[in-house]
Amino acid sequence: MGRRRSEAITLADVARRAGCSVATASKALNARDQVAEATRQRVLDAAAELSFHPNALARGLISGRTRAIGLLTDELGGRFSIPILLGAENALGNERMSVLLCDARGDDARRRHYVTTLLARQVDGFIVVGDNNDLRPALPRNLPVPVVYAYGESGHPDDVSVIADDEGGARLAADHLISLGRRRIAHITGPRGYRAARDRAAGLRAVLAEHDLPLAGGEPGYGEWSQRWGRLAAHRLLAAHPGLDAIFCGNDQIAAGVAQTLRERGRRIPDDVALVGYDNWTEFAADCRPPLTTVDLNLEELGATAVRHLFAAIEGHPSRGVLREPCRLVVRDSTVPGPEPAGRRPG
């Protein structure tokens, strides 16, 4: 029969088994330098034999570290938060750090409550995950631990914020289309009020200007982040500019709607019109007809980068300012058609 909770293995039991003092056993388990290697190994072997697990809170009180991080998010079930949190959790797990996750759901009172609660748990730092790349209010300046912002820029210039390089991602899409010989490129995107929409439009226009090319339609088609807007905007765009040969969309939902309109109007993708989305949201990009070339935000790497900067701040080397995580282009059949299926003859 296993021990009851009141009979749990203690550090004294480990020291007794290893034939050393409790102080020496503690130093060995905490990787202190003052212990001979042979003694350290005896202590580690004894701890393994007894299935001894040090009390994390007690170790934290001694070392000043609890090896626990607070992660605050505003949309736990959202499209962007989950990959960022996975990347952060993997990076933290590699360092044997614990993660305490709280979803404020966009409510300031909940956020303040969670900050107070996590500080009471003596977390070593915070990662605050936004629901978009826009500016957000910073946490109070008097927090006793460092804070890193991910996919959402802090409103305070002395904070460090890791966000996606939306302008750079749009440049990847534009360069790709131009390399394929496309010269009449239009842009359909989300609301003008979103920083991501403005940055993606700016990246496209910068590349077009470098090649002395106008933006087909004259202005970006700002609207909603939805398939409905993609369908409607594509109808309007094709009616006014039937000669366009490529459309870059601000997200994959819009691109899926554009693809539907192009098929309805008898325009072949990519033969007549090449199509590029943004986000690499599999539900829309991989299931689009044809599969959608798109820009991947590298959200897991963004989360891991935020963790690295938090570790540096905990060690006394904080960063400041805005760090933009590079995106990557995922090429699929909507710009470069794949090989014909076996046995299929040209029509």
Protein backbone atom coordinates (compact mmCIF):
# COMPACT_ATOMS: atom_id res chain seq x y z
CA MET A 1 0.00 0.00 0.00
CA GLY A 2 1.37 3.47 -0.91
CA ARG A 3 1.98 6.16 1.65
CA ARG A 4 -0.85 8.41 2.70
CA ARG A 5 -0.46 12.14 2.06
CA SER A 6 0.63 12.66 5.69
CA GLU A 7 3.39 10.09 5.13
CA ALA A 8 4.86 11.68 2.01
CA ILE A 9 8.57 11.27 1.30
CA THR A 10 10.58 14.19 2.68
CA LEU A 11 13.99 15.65 1.97
CA ALA A 12 15.15 14.11 5.27
CA ASP A 13 14.25 10.65 3.91
CA VAL A 14 16.37 11.29 0.82
CA ALA A 15 19.30 12.54 2.89
CA ARG A 16 19.08 9.48 5.14
CA ARG A 17 19.07 7.12 2.14
CA ALA A 18 22.03 8.97 0.54
CA GLY A 19 24.01 9.10 3.80
CA CYS A 20 24.38 12.88 3.95
CA SER A 21 22.93 15.91 5.72
CA VAL A 22 19.63 17.52 4.72
CA ALA A 23 21.53 20.67 3.68
CA THR A 24 23.79 18.67 1.36
CA ALA A 25 20.81 16.84 -0.15
CA SER A 26 19.10 20.17 -0.81
CA LYS A 27 22.18 21.58 -2.52
CA ALA A 28 22.54 18.46 -4.67
CA LEU A 29 18.91 18.54 -5.81
CA ASN A 30 19.14 22.25 -6.63
CA ALA A 31 22.34 21.80 -8.68
CA ARG A 32 24.45 23.91 -6.35
CA ASP A 33 28.22 23.85 -6.90
CA GLN A 34 29.24 23.08 -3.32
CA VAL A 35 28.52 19.33 -3.62
CA ALA A 36 30.97 16.65 -4.80
CA GLU A 37 29.81 14.85 -7.94
CA ALA A 38 29.76 11.44 -6.23
CA THR A 39 27.61 12.81 -3.41
CA ARG A 40 25.29 14.55 -5.88
CA GLN A 41 24.77 11.29 -7.73
CA ARG A 42 23.98 9.42 -4.49
CA VAL A 43 21.34 12.02 -3.65
CA LEU A 44 19.81 11.88 -7.13
CA ASP A 45 19.71 8.09 -7.00
CA ALA A 46 18.10 8.17 -3.57
CA ALA A 47 15.48 10.68 -4.73
CA ALA A 48 14.66 8.48 -7.73
CA GLU A 49 14.41 5.32 -5.60
CA LEU A 50 12.05 7.03 -3.16
CA SER A 51 10.06 8.85 -5.89
CA PHE A 52 10.80 12.13 -4.14
CA HIS A 53 9.31 15.26 -5.73
CA PRO A 54 10.50 18.57 -4.20
CA ASN A 55 7.82 20.99 -3.11
CA ALA A 56 7.82 23.66 -5.81
CA LEU A 57 6.49 26.41 -3.56
CA ALA A 58 9.10 25.74 -0.89
CA ARG A 59 11.87 25.76 -3.49
CA GLY A 60 10.50 29.01 -4.85
CA LEU A 61 10.58 30.67 -1.46
CA ILE A 62 14.25 29.72 -1.12
CA SER A 63 15.37 30.61 -4.65
CA GLY A 64 13.03 33.55 -5.28
CA ARG A 65 11.67 31.72 -8.35
CA THR A 66 8.61 29.49 -8.66
CA ARG A 67 9.30 28.49 -12.30
CA ALA A 68 5.70 29.36 -13.11
CA ILE A 69 4.52 31.80 -15.77
CA GLY A 70 1.15 33.52 -16.04
CA LEU A 71 -0.41 33.57 -19.52
CA LEU A 72 -3.23 36.06 -20.01
CA THR A 73 -5.39 35.95 -23.12
CA ASP A 74 -8.59 37.63 -24.28
CA GLU A 75 -9.85 34.90 -26.66
CA LEU A 76 -8.88 31.44 -25.48
CA GLY A 77 -10.99 29.72 -28.13
CA GLY A 78 -9.97 32.06 -30.94
CA ARG A 79 -8.17 31.39 -34.18
CA PHE A 80 -4.96 33.18 -33.20
CA SER A 81 -4.55 32.57 -29.48
CA ILE A 82 -4.36 28.77 -29.54
CA PRO A 83 -1.27 28.46 -31.82
CA ILE A 84 0.51 31.22 -29.88
CA LEU A 85 -0.26 29.52 -26.58
CA LEU A 86 0.92 26.16 -27.95
CA GLY A 87 4.22 27.68 -29.03
CA ALA A 88 4.66 29.36 -25.66
CA GLU A 89 3.72 26.22 -23.73
CA ASN A 90 6.19 24.10 -25.71
CA ALA A 91 9.00 26.57 -25.04
CA LEU A 92 8.12 26.75 -21.36
CA GLY A 93 7.86 22.96 -21.10
CA ASN A 94 11.33 22.59 -22.59
CA GLU A 95 12.61 24.62 -19.63
CA ARG A 96 10.43 22.71 -17.13
CA MET A 97 8.37 25.79 -16.41
CA SER A 98 4.74 25.60 -15.32
CA VAL A 99 2.02 27.59 -17.11
CA LEU A 100 -0.97 29.18 -15.40
CA LEU A 101 -3.47 30.14 -18.12
CA CYS A 102 -6.25 32.72 -17.62
CA ASP A 103 -8.82 33.99 -20.14
CA ALA A 104 -9.92 37.54 -19.39
CA ARG A 105 -12.45 37.46 -22.26
CA GLY A 106 -11.76 41.10 -22.99
CA ASP A 107 -12.98 42.24 -19.57
CA ASP A 108 -10.73 44.67 -17.66
CA ALA A 109 -12.08 43.63 -14.25
CA ARG A 110 -11.36 39.95 -14.96
CA ARG A 111 -7.88 40.84 -16.16
CA ARG A 112 -7.09 42.79 -12.98
CA HIS A 113 -8.41 39.90 -10.89
CA TYR A 114 -6.23 37.38 -12.71
CA VAL A 115 -3.13 39.56 -12.42
CA THR A 116 -3.66 39.83 -8.65
CA THR A 117 -4.33 36.10 -8.33
CA LEU A 118 -1.28 35.09 -10.36
CA LEU A 119 0.97 37.45 -8.42
CA ALA A 120 -0.28 35.82 -5.23
CA ARG A 121 0.84 32.51 -6.75
CA GLN A 122 4.28 34.14 -7.15
CA VAL A 123 4.60 33.71 -10.91
CA ASP A 124 7.97 34.71 -12.36
CA GLY A 125 6.47 36.74 -15.20
CA PHE A 126 3.52 37.33 -17.54
CA ILE A 127 2.89 36.78 -21.23
CA VAL A 128 -0.13 38.76 -22.44
CA VAL A 129 -1.64 37.39 -25.67
CA GLY A 130 -3.74 39.78 -27.75
CA ASP A 131 -6.53 38.97 -30.17
CA ASN A 132 -5.06 41.16 -32.93
CA ASN A 133 -1.91 43.15 -33.74
CA ASP A 134 -3.40 46.48 -32.64
CA LEU A 135 -2.26 48.56 -29.67
CA ARG A 136 -3.61 47.46 -26.29
CA PRO A 137 -3.48 49.00 -22.80
CA ALA A 138 -0.40 47.95 -20.84
CA LEU A 139 -0.59 46.18 -17.49
CA PRO A 140 0.19 48.38 -14.47
CA ARG A 141 3.78 49.67 -14.40
CA ASN A 142 4.35 48.65 -10.76
CA LEU A 143 4.25 44.88 -11.30
CA PRO A 144 7.14 43.10 -9.53
CA VAL A 145 7.75 40.73 -12.46
CA PRO A 146 8.48 41.25 -16.19
CA VAL A 147 5.76 41.24 -18.87
CA VAL A 148 5.98 40.36 -22.57
CA TYR A 149 3.14 41.08 -25.02
CA ALA A 150 2.44 38.64 -27.88
CA TYR A 151 0.27 39.33 -30.97
CA GLY A 152 -0.80 42.64 -29.53
CA GLU A 153 1.38 45.71 -29.02
CA SER A 154 1.57 47.27 -25.59
CA GLY A 155 0.64 50.92 -25.45
CA HIS A 156 3.77 51.69 -23.40
CA PRO A 157 7.02 52.21 -25.38
CA ASP A 158 9.20 50.66 -22.68
CA ASP A 159 7.46 47.27 -22.94
CA VAL A 160 8.47 44.52 -25.36
CA SER A 161 5.84 43.34 -27.83
CA VAL A 162 6.21 40.46 -30.28
CA ILE A 163 3.81 40.81 -33.21
CA ALA A 164 3.44 39.34 -36.70
CA ASP A 165 5.18 41.20 -39.53
CA ASP A 166 2.03 41.81 -41.56
CA GLU A 167 3.67 44.24 -43.96
CA GLY A 168 6.49 41.75 -44.60
CA GLY A 169 3.98 38.96 -45.15
CA ALA A 170 2.15 41.03 -47.75
CA ARG A 171 5.44 41.71 -49.51
CA LEU A 172 5.99 37.94 -49.78
CA ALA A 173 2.59 37.57 -51.46
CA ALA A 174 3.18 40.47 -53.85
CA ASP A 175 6.67 39.32 -54.84
CA HIS A 176 5.28 35.84 -55.52
CA LEU A 177 2.53 37.13 -57.82
CA ILE A 178 4.89 39.42 -59.73
CA SER A 179 7.40 36.58 -60.15
CA LEU A 180 4.61 34.64 -61.89
CA GLY A 181 4.13 37.46 -64.40
CA ARG A 182 1.00 38.94 -62.83
CA ARG A 183 0.79 42.68 -63.44
CA ARG A 184 -2.85 43.66 -62.73
CA ILE A 185 -3.12 42.85 -59.03
CA ALA A 186 -6.10 43.90 -56.87
CA HIS A 187 -6.51 43.81 -53.10
CA ILE A 188 -9.60 42.88 -51.04
CA THR A 189 -9.23 43.05 -47.28
CA GLY A 190 -10.89 43.61 -43.90
CA PRO A 191 -11.90 46.78 -42.04
CA ARG A 192 -9.68 49.82 -42.52
CA GLY A 193 -9.69 50.28 -38.74
CA TYR A 194 -7.61 47.11 -38.26
CA ARG A 195 -3.88 47.65 -38.19
CA ALA A 196 -3.33 44.26 -39.87
CA ALA A 197 -5.49 45.32 -42.84
CA ARG A 198 -3.61 48.59 -43.25
CA ASP A 199 -0.18 46.96 -42.91
CA ARG A 200 -0.97 44.25 -45.46
CA ALA A 201 -2.25 46.85 -47.92
CA ALA A 202 0.91 48.93 -47.36
CA GLY A 203 3.18 45.94 -48.00
CA LEU A 204 1.43 45.16 -51.29
CA ARG A 205 1.54 48.76 -52.50
CA ALA A 206 5.23 49.09 -51.64
CA VAL A 207 6.14 46.12 -53.84
CA LEU A 208 3.90 47.32 -56.67
CA ALA A 209 5.59 50.74 -56.51
CA GLU A 210 9.02 49.11 -56.73
CA HIS A 211 7.91 47.56 -60.05
CA ASP A 212 6.10 50.69 -61.31
CA LEU A 213 2.78 48.86 -61.19
CA PRO A 214 -0.56 50.40 -60.18
CA LEU A 215 -2.94 48.68 -57.79
CA ALA A 216 -5.79 47.29 -59.89
CA GLY A 217 -8.94 49.11 -58.83
CA GLY A 218 -6.94 52.07 -57.53
CA GLU A 219 -7.66 51.46 -53.83
CA PRO A 220 -7.79 48.41 -51.54
CA GLY A 221 -11.27 46.98 -51.06
CA TYR A 222 -11.76 47.46 -47.31
CA GLY A 223 -14.71 45.62 -45.80
CA GLU A 224 -15.30 42.64 -43.49
CA TRP A 225 -13.15 39.63 -42.56
CA SER A 226 -15.73 37.33 -44.15
CA GLN A 227 -16.53 35.12 -47.14
CA ARG A 228 -19.62 37.23 -47.75
CA TRP A 229 -17.48 40.33 -48.24
CA GLY A 230 -15.09 38.37 -50.46
CA ARG A 231 -17.95 37.33 -52.76
CA LEU A 232 -19.48 40.81 -52.91
CA ALA A 233 -16.17 42.65 -53.39
CA ALA A 234 -15.07 40.24 -56.13
CA HIS A 235 -18.33 40.80 -58.07
CA ARG A 236 -17.81 44.56 -57.92
CA LEU A 237 -14.12 44.35 -58.78
CA LEU A 238 -14.56 42.04 -61.78
CA ALA A 239 -17.39 44.16 -63.15
CA ALA A 240 -15.26 47.31 -63.02
CA HIS A 241 -11.88 45.75 -63.91
CA PRO A 242 -12.40 42.57 -65.95
CA GLY A 243 -8.75 42.52 -67.07
CA LEU A 244 -7.22 41.94 -63.62
CA ASP A 245 -5.03 38.84 -63.38
CA ALA A 246 -4.46 38.44 -59.61
CA ILE A 247 -6.21 39.18 -56.31
CA PHE A 248 -4.41 39.34 -52.97
CA CYS A 249 -6.83 38.96 -50.06
CA GLY A 250 -6.40 40.20 -46.50
CA ASN A 251 -7.35 36.81 -45.02
CA ASP A 252 -8.31 33.29 -46.10
CA GLN A 253 -12.02 33.75 -45.41
CA ILE A 254 -12.18 36.63 -47.87
CA ALA A 255 -10.15 34.60 -50.39
CA ALA A 256 -12.56 31.65 -50.11
CA GLY A 257 -15.43 34.00 -50.98
CA VAL A 258 -13.47 35.48 -53.89
CA ALA A 259 -12.76 31.98 -55.22
CA GLN A 260 -16.47 31.22 -55.22
CA THR A 261 -17.25 34.35 -57.24
CA LEU A 262 -14.46 33.66 -59.72
CA ARG A 263 -15.84 30.17 -60.39
CA GLU A 264 -19.37 31.51 -60.79
CA ARG A 265 -18.15 34.01 -63.37
CA GLY A 266 -16.22 31.38 -65.31
CA ARG A 267 -12.78 32.70 -64.37
CA ARG A 268 -10.23 29.91 -63.93
CA ILE A 269 -7.92 29.90 -60.89
CA PRO A 270 -4.99 30.42 -61.41
CA ASP A 271 -5.03 30.42 -65.23
CA ASP A 272 -7.12 33.59 -65.53
CA VAL A 273 -6.77 35.01 -62.02
CA ALA A 274 -4.18 34.01 -59.43
CA LEU A 275 -5.44 34.16 -55.84
CA VAL A 276 -3.54 34.60 -52.56
CA GLY A 277 -4.96 34.64 -49.02
CA TYR A 278 -3.51 35.39 -45.60
CA ASP A 279 -3.34 33.50 -42.24
CA ASN A 280 -3.00 29.89 -43.54
CA TRP A 281 -6.25 28.95 -41.80
CA THR A 282 -6.58 25.32 -42.88
CA GLU A 283 -10.39 25.32 -42.73
CA PHE A 284 -10.40 27.82 -45.59
CA ALA A 285 -6.98 27.56 -47.26
CA ALA A 286 -6.60 23.80 -47.68
CA ASP A 287 -10.32 23.23 -48.41
CA CYS A 288 -10.58 26.05 -50.95
CA ARG A 289 -11.13 25.07 -54.61
CA PRO A 290 -8.35 25.08 -55.67
CA PRO A 291 -6.24 24.94 -52.47
CA LEU A 292 -5.16 28.43 -51.53
CA THR A 293 -1.71 29.98 -51.64
CA THR A 294 -1.51 32.00 -48.44
CA VAL A 295 0.75 33.70 -45.89
CA ASP A 296 1.37 31.82 -42.64
CA LEU A 297 1.75 34.02 -39.55
CA ASN A 298 4.11 31.54 -37.78
CA LEU A 299 2.07 31.96 -34.61
CA GLU A 300 3.68 29.09 -32.69
CA GLU A 301 7.12 30.57 -33.31
CA LEU A 302 5.77 33.96 -32.25
CA GLY A 303 4.71 32.41 -28.92
CA ALA A 304 8.11 30.77 -28.48
CA THR A 305 9.86 34.07 -29.22
CA ALA A 306 7.78 35.78 -26.54
CA VAL A 307 8.91 33.13 -24.04
CA ARG A 308 12.58 33.64 -24.94
CA HIS A 309 12.28 37.38 -24.28
CA LEU A 310 10.50 36.71 -21.00
CA PHE A 311 13.30 34.37 -19.89
CA ALA A 312 15.85 37.06 -20.75
CA ALA A 313 13.90 39.63 -18.72
CA ILE A 314 13.68 37.27 -15.74
CA GLU A 315 17.48 36.90 -15.90
CA GLY A 316 17.88 40.67 -15.83
CA HIS A 317 18.20 41.36 -19.58
CA PRO A 318 14.88 42.92 -20.64
CA SER A 319 14.08 44.01 -24.18
CA ARG A 320 11.92 46.94 -25.21
CA GLY A 321 10.06 48.02 -28.31
CA VAL A 322 8.20 46.14 -31.02
CA LEU A 323 9.63 42.92 -32.49
CA ARG A 324 8.06 41.69 -35.73
CA GLU A 325 8.05 37.93 -36.26
CA PRO A 326 8.63 37.00 -39.94
CA CYS A 327 5.82 35.29 -41.85
CA ARG A 328 6.20 32.63 -44.55
CA LEU A 329 4.50 32.01 -47.88
CA VAL A 330 2.69 28.68 -48.38
CA VAL A 331 2.32 28.04 -52.11
CA ARG A 332 -0.66 25.96 -53.28
CA ASP A 333 -2.64 25.52 -56.49
CA SER A 334 -4.39 28.91 -56.51
CA THR A 335 -1.21 30.49 -57.91
CA VAL A 336 0.91 27.58 -59.13
CA PRO A 337 -1.18 24.62 -60.33
CA GLY A 338 0.02 21.18 -59.31
CA PRO A 339 0.57 18.24 -61.70
CA GLU A 340 -2.42 16.86 -63.58
CA PRO A 341 -3.97 13.78 -61.95
CA ALA A 342 -2.83 10.49 -63.53
CA GLY A 343 -4.89 9.55 -66.59
CA ARG A 344 -6.40 13.00 -67.07
CA ARG A 345 -6.24 14.43 -70.60
CA PRO A 346 -6.13 18.12 -71.47
CA GLY A 347 -9.52 19.50 -72.40
